[in-house]
């Protein structure tokens, strides 16, 4: 189960790249437009290390809380419920990417109180001039309210252990990495690409298919 979950979360991060470009595109573009030819790429890598590091910490925390708070007997039904919730969120995200529904944005609003407290901290590190600033900015940006991150977080909670939760979020974070690295290198072209209706539609349908496939597997395994 864990291996399938890791692969699925990697694919969710990869297929949800259009959403990542929208959520993190601004800061990634700002980092990539540095004066030096080599520093922006190094800063971009540091930013993503910080961002994924926050995901891993959140996953370890959520998985550890589930392991500590529930007995094995009580955990199985909750794990199933969390699995269903995560994949329903994935389908909602796909609908949003495809331009068919904005319901996922209402769920993203749940994280805004925390983000309002964290966002002012990013001003200390922007504009990014050093690798340390990029790392810390990424660590803060990892807590940005995002439906895709919420989906991975629920999967981490369902993993049942701190180490497993960390691995789930690491797999998800690595899935988001290619899109954001490409965004840093080809910012203007990718911004134009993500606005194209066919691109958003294909990305949305792919994310929806992943969530639907998981639910189908659950249904057939319990039927």
C-alpha atoms as a PDB file:
ATOM      1  CA  UNK A   1       0.000   0.000   0.000  1.00  0.00           C
ATOM      2  CA  UNK A   2       2.758   2.443   0.925  1.00  0.00           C
ATOM      3  CA  UNK A   3       4.611   1.948  -2.368  1.00  0.00           C
ATOM      4  CA  UNK A   4       1.424   2.548  -4.353  1.00  0.00           C
ATOM      5  CA  UNK A   5       0.702   5.598  -2.222  1.00  0.00           C
ATOM      6  CA  UNK A   6       4.150   7.050  -2.831  1.00  0.00           C
ATOM      7  CA  UNK A   7       3.840   6.593  -6.587  1.00  0.00           C
ATOM      8  CA  UNK A   8       0.328   8.040  -6.585  1.00  0.00           C
ATOM      9  CA  UNK A   9       1.363  11.105  -4.605  1.00  0.00           C
ATOM     10  CA  UNK A  10       4.342  11.670  -6.911  1.00  0.00           C
ATOM     11  CA  UNK A  11       2.008  11.515  -9.911  1.00  0.00           C
ATOM     12  CA  UNK A  12      -0.473  13.854  -8.198  1.00  0.00           C
ATOM     13  CA  UNK A  13       2.284  16.402  -7.680  1.00  0.00           C
ATOM     14  CA  UNK A  14       3.484  16.000 -11.243  1.00  0.00           C
ATOM     15  CA  UNK A  15       0.062  16.116 -12.893  1.00  0.00           C
ATOM     16  CA  UNK A  16      -1.023  19.050 -10.744  1.00  0.00           C
ATOM     17  CA  UNK A  17       1.816  21.149 -12.143  1.00  0.00           C
ATOM     18  CA  UNK A  18      -0.550  23.695 -13.678  1.00  0.00           C
ATOM     19  CA  UNK A  19      -1.879  24.435 -10.194  1.00  0.00           C
ATOM     20  CA  UNK A  20       1.676  24.665  -8.805  1.00  0.00           C
ATOM     21  CA  UNK A  21       2.586  27.230 -11.443  1.00  0.00           C
ATOM     22  CA  UNK A  22      -0.327  29.356 -10.328  1.00  0.00           C
ATOM     23  CA  UNK A  23       0.350  29.080  -6.593  1.00  0.00           C
ATOM     24  CA  UNK A  24       4.160  29.365  -6.578  1.00  0.00           C
ATOM     25  CA  UNK A  25       4.771  30.936  -9.979  1.00  0.00           C
ATOM     26  CA  UNK A  26       5.190  34.474  -8.669  1.00  0.00           C
ATOM     27  CA  UNK A  27       7.988  33.809  -6.213  1.00  0.00           C
ATOM     28  CA  UNK A  28       9.683  31.292  -8.520  1.00  0.00           C
ATOM     29  CA  UNK A  29       9.728  33.866 -11.326  1.00  0.00           C
ATOM     30  CA  UNK A  30      11.136  36.503  -8.964  1.00  0.00           C
ATOM     31  CA  UNK A  31      13.948  34.164  -7.898  1.00  0.00           C
ATOM     32  CA  UNK A  32      14.746  33.180 -11.482  1.00  0.00           C
ATOM     33  CA  UNK A  33      15.116  36.791 -12.621  1.00  0.00           C
ATOM     34  CA  UNK A  34      18.228  37.469 -10.560  1.00  0.00           C
ATOM     35  CA  UNK A  35      21.134  39.440 -11.979  1.00  0.00           C
ATOM     36  CA  UNK A  36      23.605  36.534 -11.935  1.00  0.00           C
ATOM     37  CA  UNK A  37      23.570  33.823 -14.581  1.00  0.00           C
ATOM     38  CA  UNK A  38      24.215  30.988 -12.087  1.00  0.00           C
ATOM     39  CA  UNK A  39      22.848  32.230  -8.764  1.00  0.00           C
ATOM     40  CA  UNK A  40      19.149  32.140  -9.746  1.00  0.00           C
ATOM     41  CA  UNK A  41      19.299  28.398 -10.515  1.00  0.00           C
ATOM     42  CA  UNK A  42      21.071  27.696  -7.216  1.00  0.00           C
ATOM     43  CA  UNK A  43      18.580  29.912  -5.383  1.00  0.00           C
ATOM     44  CA  UNK A  44      15.730  28.101  -7.115  1.00  0.00           C
ATOM     45  CA  UNK A  45      17.051  24.743  -5.913  1.00  0.00           C
ATOM     46  CA  UNK A  46      17.399  26.076  -2.364  1.00  0.00           C
ATOM     47  CA  UNK A  47      13.866  27.469  -2.469  1.00  0.00           C
ATOM     48  CA  UNK A  48      12.498  24.067  -3.462  1.00  0.00           C
ATOM     49  CA  UNK A  49      14.553  22.281  -0.796  1.00  0.00           C
ATOM     50  CA  UNK A  50      12.982  24.567   1.793  1.00  0.00           C
ATOM     51  CA  UNK A  51       9.499  24.107   0.371  1.00  0.00           C
ATOM     52  CA  UNK A  52       9.717  20.308   0.214  1.00  0.00           C
ATOM     53  CA  UNK A  53      11.338  20.280   3.661  1.00  0.00           C
ATOM     54  CA  UNK A  54       8.215  21.934   5.069  1.00  0.00           C
ATOM     55  CA  UNK A  55       6.067  19.318   3.338  1.00  0.00           C
ATOM     56  CA  UNK A  56       8.155  16.536   4.910  1.00  0.00           C
ATOM     57  CA  UNK A  57       7.887  18.094   8.374  1.00  0.00           C
ATOM     58  CA  UNK A  58       4.123  18.450   7.997  1.00  0.00           C
ATOM     59  CA  UNK A  59       3.847  14.827   6.843  1.00  0.00           C
ATOM     60  CA  UNK A  60       5.884  13.547   9.789  1.00  0.00           C
ATOM     61  CA  UNK A  61       3.745  15.584  12.184  1.00  0.00           C
ATOM     62  CA  UNK A  62       0.436  14.401  10.718  1.00  0.00           C
ATOM     63  CA  UNK A  63       1.485  10.758  10.483  1.00  0.00           C
ATOM     64  CA  UNK A  64       2.873  10.860  14.015  1.00  0.00           C
ATOM     65  CA  UNK A  65      -0.329  12.389  15.389  1.00  0.00           C
ATOM     66  CA  UNK A  66      -2.409   9.644  13.799  1.00  0.00           C
ATOM     67  CA  UNK A  67      -0.094   6.952  15.160  1.00  0.00           C
ATOM     68  CA  UNK A  68      -0.113   8.432  18.645  1.00  0.00           C
ATOM     69  CA  UNK A  69      -3.806   9.276  18.876  1.00  0.00           C
ATOM     70  CA  UNK A  70      -5.491   6.120  17.620  1.00  0.00           C
ATOM     71  CA  UNK A  71      -5.359   2.439  18.398  1.00  0.00           C
ATOM     72  CA  UNK A  72      -4.876  -0.008  15.542  1.00  0.00           C
ATOM     73  CA  UNK A  73      -8.483  -1.189  15.858  1.00  0.00           C
ATOM     74  CA  UNK A  74      -9.895   2.319  15.555  1.00  0.00           C
ATOM     75  CA  UNK A  75      -7.476   3.412  12.859  1.00  0.00           C
ATOM     76  CA  UNK A  76      -8.582   1.234   9.932  1.00  0.00           C
ATOM     77  CA  UNK A  77     -12.013   2.871   9.415  1.00  0.00           C
ATOM     78  CA  UNK A  78     -10.467   6.342   9.709  1.00  0.00           C
ATOM     79  CA  UNK A  79      -7.731   5.417   7.244  1.00  0.00           C
ATOM     80  CA  UNK A  80     -10.382   4.388   4.719  1.00  0.00           C
ATOM     81  CA  UNK A  81     -12.317   7.616   5.291  1.00  0.00           C
ATOM     82  CA  UNK A  82      -9.162   9.708   4.858  1.00  0.00           C
ATOM     83  CA  UNK A  83      -8.301   7.820   1.683  1.00  0.00           C
ATOM     84  CA  UNK A  84     -11.738   8.639   0.256  1.00  0.00           C
ATOM     85  CA  UNK A  85     -11.463  12.294   1.336  1.00  0.00           C
ATOM     86  CA  UNK A  86      -8.021  12.687  -0.230  1.00  0.00           C
ATOM     87  CA  UNK A  87      -9.195  11.348  -3.569  1.00  0.00           C
ATOM     88  CA  UNK A  88     -12.380  13.412  -3.545  1.00  0.00           C
ATOM     89  CA  UNK A  89     -10.141  16.462  -3.056  1.00  0.00           C
ATOM     90  CA  UNK A  90      -8.038  15.258  -5.969  1.00  0.00           C
ATOM     91  CA  UNK A  91     -11.145  15.095  -8.163  1.00  0.00           C
ATOM     92  CA  UNK A  92     -12.206  18.595  -7.036  1.00  0.00           C
ATOM     93  CA  UNK A  93      -8.741  19.870  -7.885  1.00  0.00           C
ATOM     94  CA  UNK A  94      -9.008  18.271 -11.332  1.00  0.00           C
ATOM     95  CA  UNK A  95     -12.334  20.009 -11.883  1.00  0.00           C
ATOM     96  CA  UNK A  96     -10.725  23.320 -10.936  1.00  0.00           C
ATOM     97  CA  UNK A  97      -7.745  22.814 -13.231  1.00  0.00           C
ATOM     98  CA  UNK A  98     -10.077  21.941 -16.093  1.00  0.00           C
ATOM     99  CA  UNK A  99     -12.112  25.100 -15.452  1.00  0.00           C
ATOM    100  CA  UNK A 100     -15.239  23.139 -14.546  1.00  0.00           C
ATOM    101  CA  UNK A 101     -15.612  24.025 -10.845  1.00  0.00           C
ATOM    102  CA  UNK A 102     -14.019  26.345  -8.294  1.00  0.00           C
ATOM    103  CA  UNK A 103     -15.218  24.415  -5.231  1.00  0.00           C
ATOM    104  CA  UNK A 104     -11.654  23.524  -4.185  1.00  0.00           C
ATOM    105  CA  UNK A 105     -10.857  27.214  -3.602  1.00  0.00           C
ATOM    106  CA  UNK A 106     -13.370  27.269  -0.734  1.00  0.00           C
ATOM    107  CA  UNK A 107     -11.427  24.464   0.961  1.00  0.00           C
ATOM    108  CA  UNK A 108      -8.145  26.295   0.404  1.00  0.00           C
ATOM    109  CA  UNK A 109      -9.577  29.212   2.368  1.00  0.00           C
ATOM    110  CA  UNK A 110      -9.402  27.056   5.520  1.00  0.00           C
ATOM    111  CA  UNK A 111      -5.649  27.558   5.671  1.00  0.00           C
ATOM    112  CA  UNK A 112      -5.723  31.331   5.269  1.00  0.00           C
ATOM    113  CA  UNK A 113      -5.655  32.205   9.014  1.00  0.00           C
ATOM    114  CA  UNK A 114      -2.304  30.407   9.402  1.00  0.00           C
ATOM    115  CA  UNK A 115      -0.985  31.845   6.124  1.00  0.00           C
ATOM    116  CA  UNK A 116      -1.862  35.397   7.194  1.00  0.00           C
ATOM    117  CA  UNK A 117       0.522  34.930  10.116  1.00  0.00           C
ATOM    118  CA  UNK A 118       3.291  33.339   8.068  1.00  0.00           C
ATOM    119  CA  UNK A 119       3.222  35.416   4.888  1.00  0.00           C
ATOM    120  CA  UNK A 120       4.675  38.599   6.484  1.00  0.00           C
ATOM    121  CA  UNK A 121       7.774  36.556   7.384  1.00  0.00           C
ATOM    122  CA  UNK A 122       8.580  36.127   3.692  1.00  0.00           C
ATOM    123  CA  UNK A 123       9.257  39.857   3.387  1.00  0.00           C
ATOM    124  CA  UNK A 124      12.448  39.361   5.370  1.00  0.00           C
ATOM    125  CA  UNK A 125      13.849  37.158   2.606  1.00  0.00           C
ATOM    126  CA  UNK A 126      12.568  38.916  -0.518  1.00  0.00           C
ATOM    127  CA  UNK A 127      14.064  39.848  -2.878  1.00  0.00           C
ATOM    128  CA  UNK A 128      16.208  36.718  -2.681  1.00  0.00           C
ATOM    129  CA  UNK A 129      19.934  37.522  -2.796  1.00  0.00           C
ATOM    130  CA  UNK A 130      21.452  34.531  -0.995  1.00  0.00           C
ATOM    131  CA  UNK A 131      20.908  30.776  -0.844  1.00  0.00           C
ATOM    132  CA  UNK A 132      19.900  31.098   2.814  1.00  0.00           C
ATOM    133  CA  UNK A 133      17.149  33.578   1.946  1.00  0.00           C
ATOM    134  CA  UNK A 134      15.877  31.251  -0.790  1.00  0.00           C
ATOM    135  CA  UNK A 135      15.859  28.274   1.586  1.00  0.00           C
ATOM    136  CA  UNK A 136      13.946  30.116   4.304  1.00  0.00           C
ATOM    137  CA  UNK A 137      11.503  31.670   1.826  1.00  0.00           C
ATOM    138  CA  UNK A 138      10.775  28.188   0.458  1.00  0.00           C
ATOM    139  CA  UNK A 139      10.294  26.798   3.970  1.00  0.00           C
ATOM    140  CA  UNK A 140       7.644  29.439   4.654  1.00  0.00           C
ATOM    141  CA  UNK A 141       6.025  29.086   1.223  1.00  0.00           C
ATOM    142  CA  UNK A 142       5.560  25.372   1.899  1.00  0.00           C
ATOM    143  CA  UNK A 143       2.673  26.318   4.206  1.00  0.00           C
ATOM    144  CA  UNK A 144       0.768  28.225   1.516  1.00  0.00           C
ATOM    145  CA  UNK A 145      -2.913  27.110   1.447  1.00  0.00           C
ATOM    146  CA  UNK A 146      -3.204  24.756  -1.517  1.00  0.00           C
ATOM    147  CA  UNK A 147      -5.749  22.074  -2.388  1.00  0.00           C
ATOM    148  CA  UNK A 148      -3.054  19.851  -3.855  1.00  0.00           C
ATOM    149  CA  UNK A 149      -1.010  20.030  -0.646  1.00  0.00           C
ATOM    150  CA  UNK A 150      -4.153  19.343   1.394  1.00  0.00           C
ATOM    151  CA  UNK A 151      -4.714  16.163  -0.609  1.00  0.00           C
ATOM    152  CA  UNK A 152      -1.179  14.977   0.125  1.00  0.00           C
ATOM    153  CA  UNK A 153      -1.543  15.996   3.787  1.00  0.00           C
ATOM    154  CA  UNK A 154      -4.640  13.837   4.212  1.00  0.00           C
ATOM    155  CA  UNK A 155      -2.727  10.938   2.667  1.00  0.00           C
ATOM    156  CA  UNK A 156       0.094  11.573   5.172  1.00  0.00           C
ATOM    157  CA  UNK A 157      -2.418  11.522   8.019  1.00  0.00           C
ATOM    158  CA  UNK A 158      -3.769   8.222   6.691  1.00  0.00           C
ATOM    159  CA  UNK A 159      -0.275   6.709   6.524  1.00  0.00           C
ATOM    160  CA  UNK A 160      -0.312   5.939  10.250  1.00  0.00           C
ATOM    161  CA  UNK A 161       3.263   6.843  11.178  1.00  0.00           C
ATOM    162  CA  UNK A 162       5.673   9.770  11.288  1.00  0.00           C
ATOM    163  CA  UNK A 163       8.195   8.148   8.948  1.00  0.00           C
ATOM    164  CA  UNK A 164       5.535   7.059   6.477  1.00  0.00           C
ATOM    165  CA  UNK A 165       3.872  10.477   6.566  1.00  0.00           C
ATOM    166  CA  UNK A 166       7.209  12.129   5.825  1.00  0.00           C
ATOM    167  CA  UNK A 167       7.808   9.775   2.878  1.00  0.00           C
ATOM    168  CA  UNK A 168       4.337  10.490   1.478  1.00  0.00           C
ATOM    169  CA  UNK A 169       4.955  14.242   1.511  1.00  0.00           C
ATOM    170  CA  UNK A 170       8.470  13.803   0.139  1.00  0.00           C
ATOM    171  CA  UNK A 171       7.099  11.807  -2.809  1.00  0.00           C
ATOM    172  CA  UNK A 172       4.485  14.497  -3.415  1.00  0.00           C
ATOM    173  CA  UNK A 173       7.055  17.288  -3.159  1.00  0.00           C
ATOM    174  CA  UNK A 174       9.389  15.584  -5.618  1.00  0.00           C
ATOM    175  CA  UNK A 175       6.465  15.279  -8.024  1.00  0.00           C
ATOM    176  CA  UNK A 176       5.965  19.052  -7.946  1.00  0.00           C
ATOM    177  CA  UNK A 177       9.683  19.734  -8.430  1.00  0.00           C
ATOM    178  CA  UNK A 178      10.050  19.344 -12.248  1.00  0.00           C
ATOM    179  CA  UNK A 179       7.305  21.859 -13.006  1.00  0.00           C
ATOM    180  CA  UNK A 180       8.668  24.497 -10.648  1.00  0.00           C
ATOM    181  CA  UNK A 181      12.244  24.057 -11.859  1.00  0.00           C
ATOM    182  CA  UNK A 182      11.046  24.458 -15.434  1.00  0.00           C
ATOM    183  CA  UNK A 183       9.029  27.462 -14.328  1.00  0.00           C
ATOM    184  CA  UNK A 184      12.198  29.074 -13.039  1.00  0.00           C
ATOM    185  CA  UNK A 185      14.058  28.434 -16.283  1.00  0.00           C
ATOM    186  CA  UNK A 186      11.270  29.208 -18.763  1.00  0.00           C
ATOM    187  CA  UNK A 187       8.994  31.474 -16.750  1.00  0.00           C
ATOM    188  CA  UNK A 188       7.338  33.522 -19.496  1.00  0.00           C
ATOM    189  CA  UNK A 189       6.731  30.581 -21.834  1.00  0.00           C
ATOM    190  CA  UNK A 190       5.222  28.373 -19.127  1.00  0.00           C
ATOM    191  CA  UNK A 191       2.999  31.182 -17.848  1.00  0.00           C
ATOM    192  CA  UNK A 192       1.552  31.486 -21.345  1.00  0.00           C
ATOM    193  CA  UNK A 193       1.234  27.713 -21.658  1.00  0.00           C
ATOM    194  CA  UNK A 194      -0.681  27.252 -18.423  1.00  0.00           C
ATOM    195  CA  UNK A 195      -3.272  29.801 -19.552  1.00  0.00           C
ATOM    196  CA  UNK A 196      -4.171  27.745 -22.604  1.00  0.00           C
ATOM    197  CA  UNK A 197      -7.503  26.017 -22.247  1.00  0.00           C
ATOM    198  CA  UNK A 198      -6.441  22.634 -23.739  1.00  0.00           C
ATOM    199  CA  UNK A 199      -3.464  22.416 -21.351  1.00  0.00           C
ATOM    200  CA  UNK A 200      -5.610  23.091 -18.301  1.00  0.00           C
ATOM    201  CA  UNK A 201      -8.285  20.679 -19.505  1.00  0.00           C
ATOM    202  CA  UNK A 202      -5.848  17.811 -20.067  1.00  0.00           C
ATOM    203  CA  UNK A 203      -4.143  18.435 -16.719  1.00  0.00           C
ATOM    204  CA  UNK A 204      -7.474  18.574 -14.916  1.00  0.00           C
ATOM    205  CA  UNK A 205      -8.790  15.400 -16.520  1.00  0.00           C
ATOM    206  CA  UNK A 206      -5.549  13.576 -15.678  1.00  0.00           C
ATOM    207  CA  UNK A 207      -5.774  14.573 -11.994  1.00  0.00           C
ATOM    208  CA  UNK A 208      -9.459  13.606 -11.896  1.00  0.00           C
ATOM    209  CA  UNK A 209      -8.650  10.240 -13.465  1.00  0.00           C
ATOM    210  CA  UNK A 210      -6.031   9.555 -10.796  1.00  0.00           C
ATOM    211  CA  UNK A 211      -8.495  10.262  -7.990  1.00  0.00           C
ATOM    212  CA  UNK A 212     -11.234   8.245  -9.680  1.00  0.00           C
ATOM    213  CA  UNK A 213      -8.897   5.308 -10.250  1.00  0.00           C
ATOM    214  CA  UNK A 214      -7.977   5.209  -6.553  1.00  0.00           C
ATOM    215  CA  UNK A 215     -11.637   5.207  -5.535  1.00  0.00           C
ATOM    216  CA  UNK A 216     -12.371   2.464  -8.058  1.00  0.00           C
ATOM    217  CA  UNK A 217      -9.581   0.333  -6.591  1.00  0.00           C
ATOM    218  CA  UNK A 218     -11.031   0.838  -3.116  1.00  0.00           C
ATOM    219  CA  UNK A 219     -14.521  -0.077  -4.325  1.00  0.00           C
ATOM    220  CA  UNK A 220     -13.390  -3.242  -6.086  1.00  0.00           C
ATOM    221  CA  UNK A 221     -11.231  -4.336  -3.131  1.00  0.00           C
ATOM    222  CA  UNK A 222     -14.152  -4.086  -0.720  1.00  0.00           C
ATOM    223  CA  UNK A 223     -16.820  -5.367  -3.075  1.00  0.00           C
END
